[in-house]
Amino acid sequence: MNILPNLFARGFGKFRITKQLVISHGDYCPPVVRPLHNSQEYLDDAELLDAPCIFCDDFVVVTVKAERIREGLRSQCTTAGKVWLVVYEVTGTDLEGHPVHTSNLYSRQDAEDIVRSRSNTF
């Protein structure tokens, strides 16, 4: 039996999954994509959709559940918006060790499946 090589294997490795939020923040502004702040990783995707948020260039903090946001975080986040969408970004490294964006998926399970399939080379 011949085993075909994985056609999608291109030498990528060290895959990483990051939860990203697509945020609207003004009538005439394009949406932005930011990672959820580490302190809120426990929030479920359903809780994040349509939630009000504040963000900066580095991360987003969702202002749900009357949760008290540390003043240090609040002072870093200068823009308010609303979460449109939750996506899971899959990144890896190429043969030279440079970061490479490989895909965006709508569920963590799908992202884990992609990482598993790309990690298995034949």
Protein backbone atom coordinates (compact mmCIF):
# COMPACT_ATOMS: atom_id res chain seq x y z
CA MET A 1 0.00 0.00 0.00
CA ASN A 2 1.38 3.41 -0.97
CA ILE A 3 1.17 6.15 1.63
CA LEU A 4 0.66 9.58 0.14
CA PRO A 5 2.51 12.48 1.75
CA ASN A 6 0.49 15.12 3.53
CA LEU A 7 0.05 17.77 0.80
CA PHE A 8 -0.54 20.48 3.40
CA ALA A 9 2.72 19.87 5.28
CA ARG A 10 5.07 22.70 4.43
CA GLY A 11 7.52 22.48 7.27
CA PHE A 12 5.40 24.46 9.72
CA GLY A 13 5.74 23.65 13.38
CA LYS A 14 5.14 24.96 16.89
CA PHE A 15 1.47 25.62 16.25
CA ARG A 16 -0.41 27.96 18.55
CA ILE A 17 -4.13 28.71 18.89
CA THR A 18 -5.20 32.19 19.99
CA LYS A 19 -8.76 33.35 20.65
CA GLN A 20 -9.30 36.58 18.70
CA LEU A 21 -12.27 38.94 18.85
CA VAL A 22 -13.54 40.92 15.86
CA ILE A 23 -14.68 44.30 17.21
CA SER A 24 -16.77 47.10 15.73
CA HIS A 25 -16.06 50.51 17.20
CA GLY A 26 -17.59 53.25 15.12
CA ASP A 27 -19.93 53.92 12.24
CA TYR A 28 -17.19 54.61 9.70
CA CYS A 29 -14.33 52.58 11.17
CA PRO A 30 -13.36 49.15 9.87
CA PRO A 31 -13.56 46.33 12.42
CA VAL A 32 -10.41 45.43 14.32
CA VAL A 33 -9.15 42.07 15.56
CA ARG A 34 -7.56 41.73 18.98
CA PRO A 35 -6.76 38.84 21.33
CA LEU A 36 -8.79 38.51 24.49
CA HIS A 37 -6.88 39.59 27.60
CA ASN A 38 -5.43 36.63 29.54
CA SER A 39 -7.51 37.44 32.62
CA GLN A 40 -10.71 36.70 30.67
CA GLU A 41 -9.76 33.47 28.89
CA TYR A 42 -12.36 31.64 30.98
CA LEU A 43 -15.25 33.43 29.22
CA ASP A 44 -17.31 31.26 26.89
CA ASP A 45 -17.65 32.25 23.23
CA ALA A 46 -21.41 32.76 23.63
CA GLU A 47 -20.79 35.25 26.46
CA LEU A 48 -18.47 37.26 24.24
CA LEU A 49 -20.76 37.74 21.24
CA ASP A 50 -22.39 41.20 21.17
CA ALA A 51 -20.65 42.09 24.43
CA PRO A 52 -19.42 45.64 25.06
CA CYS A 53 -15.66 45.91 25.31
CA ILE A 54 -12.70 48.23 25.61
CA PHE A 55 -9.46 47.69 23.74
CA CYS A 56 -5.99 48.93 22.89
CA ASP A 57 -3.43 47.89 20.27
CA ASP A 58 -2.49 44.74 22.21
CA PHE A 59 -5.69 43.20 23.62
CA VAL A 60 -9.41 43.52 24.34
CA VAL A 61 -11.22 43.44 27.68
CA VAL A 62 -14.89 42.51 27.62
CA THR A 63 -17.06 44.46 30.04
CA VAL A 64 -19.66 41.82 30.92
CA LYS A 65 -21.25 40.46 34.09
CA ALA A 66 -20.63 43.71 35.97
CA GLU A 67 -17.09 42.42 36.34
CA ARG A 68 -14.71 44.85 37.96
CA ILE A 69 -11.89 45.70 35.57
CA ARG A 70 -8.55 46.60 37.09
CA GLU A 71 -7.78 50.29 36.73
CA GLY A 72 -4.44 49.48 35.06
CA LEU A 73 -6.26 47.61 32.28
CA ARG A 74 -8.93 50.26 31.96
CA SER A 75 -6.33 53.01 31.56
CA GLN A 76 -4.55 51.07 28.76
CA CYS A 77 -7.75 50.55 26.79
CA THR A 78 -8.74 53.86 25.24
CA THR A 79 -11.36 52.71 22.72
CA ALA A 80 -14.81 51.22 23.33
CA GLY A 81 -16.54 48.80 20.99
CA LYS A 82 -18.73 45.74 20.63
CA VAL A 83 -17.70 42.15 19.89
CA TRP A 84 -18.97 40.95 16.51
CA LEU A 85 -17.31 37.60 16.19
CA VAL A 86 -15.00 35.14 17.96
CA VAL A 87 -12.36 33.41 15.83
CA TYR A 88 -9.50 31.10 16.65
CA GLU A 89 -6.27 32.05 14.92
CA VAL A 90 -3.83 29.25 14.18
CA THR A 91 -0.21 30.29 13.78
CA GLY A 92 2.99 28.33 13.48
CA THR A 93 6.61 28.78 12.56
CA ASP A 94 8.26 28.07 9.23
CA LEU A 95 11.55 26.23 8.69
CA GLU A 96 13.54 29.38 9.56
CA GLY A 97 11.54 29.92 12.77
CA HIS A 98 9.51 32.89 11.47
CA PRO A 99 5.88 33.17 12.61
CA VAL A 100 3.31 32.22 9.97
CA HIS A 101 -0.46 32.76 10.09
CA THR A 102 -2.10 29.58 8.84
CA SER A 103 -5.86 29.97 9.41
CA ASN A 104 -8.81 31.43 11.29
CA LEU A 105 -11.58 29.13 12.47
CA TYR A 106 -14.89 29.65 14.24
CA SER A 107 -14.48 27.12 17.02
CA ARG A 108 -11.69 25.96 19.28
CA GLN A 109 -12.43 22.33 18.35
CA ASP A 110 -11.96 23.10 14.64
CA ALA A 111 -8.69 24.88 15.41
CA GLU A 112 -7.45 21.91 17.45
CA ASP A 113 -8.41 19.55 14.61
CA ILE A 114 -6.43 21.65 12.11
CA VAL A 115 -3.38 21.71 14.36
CA ARG A 116 -3.63 17.95 14.87
CA SER A 117 -3.93 17.29 11.13
CA ARG A 118 -1.05 19.64 10.24
CA SER A 119 1.15 18.16 12.93
CA ASN A 120 0.77 14.66 11.50
CA THR A 121 3.04 14.36 8.49
CA PHE A 122 3.35 11.06 6.73
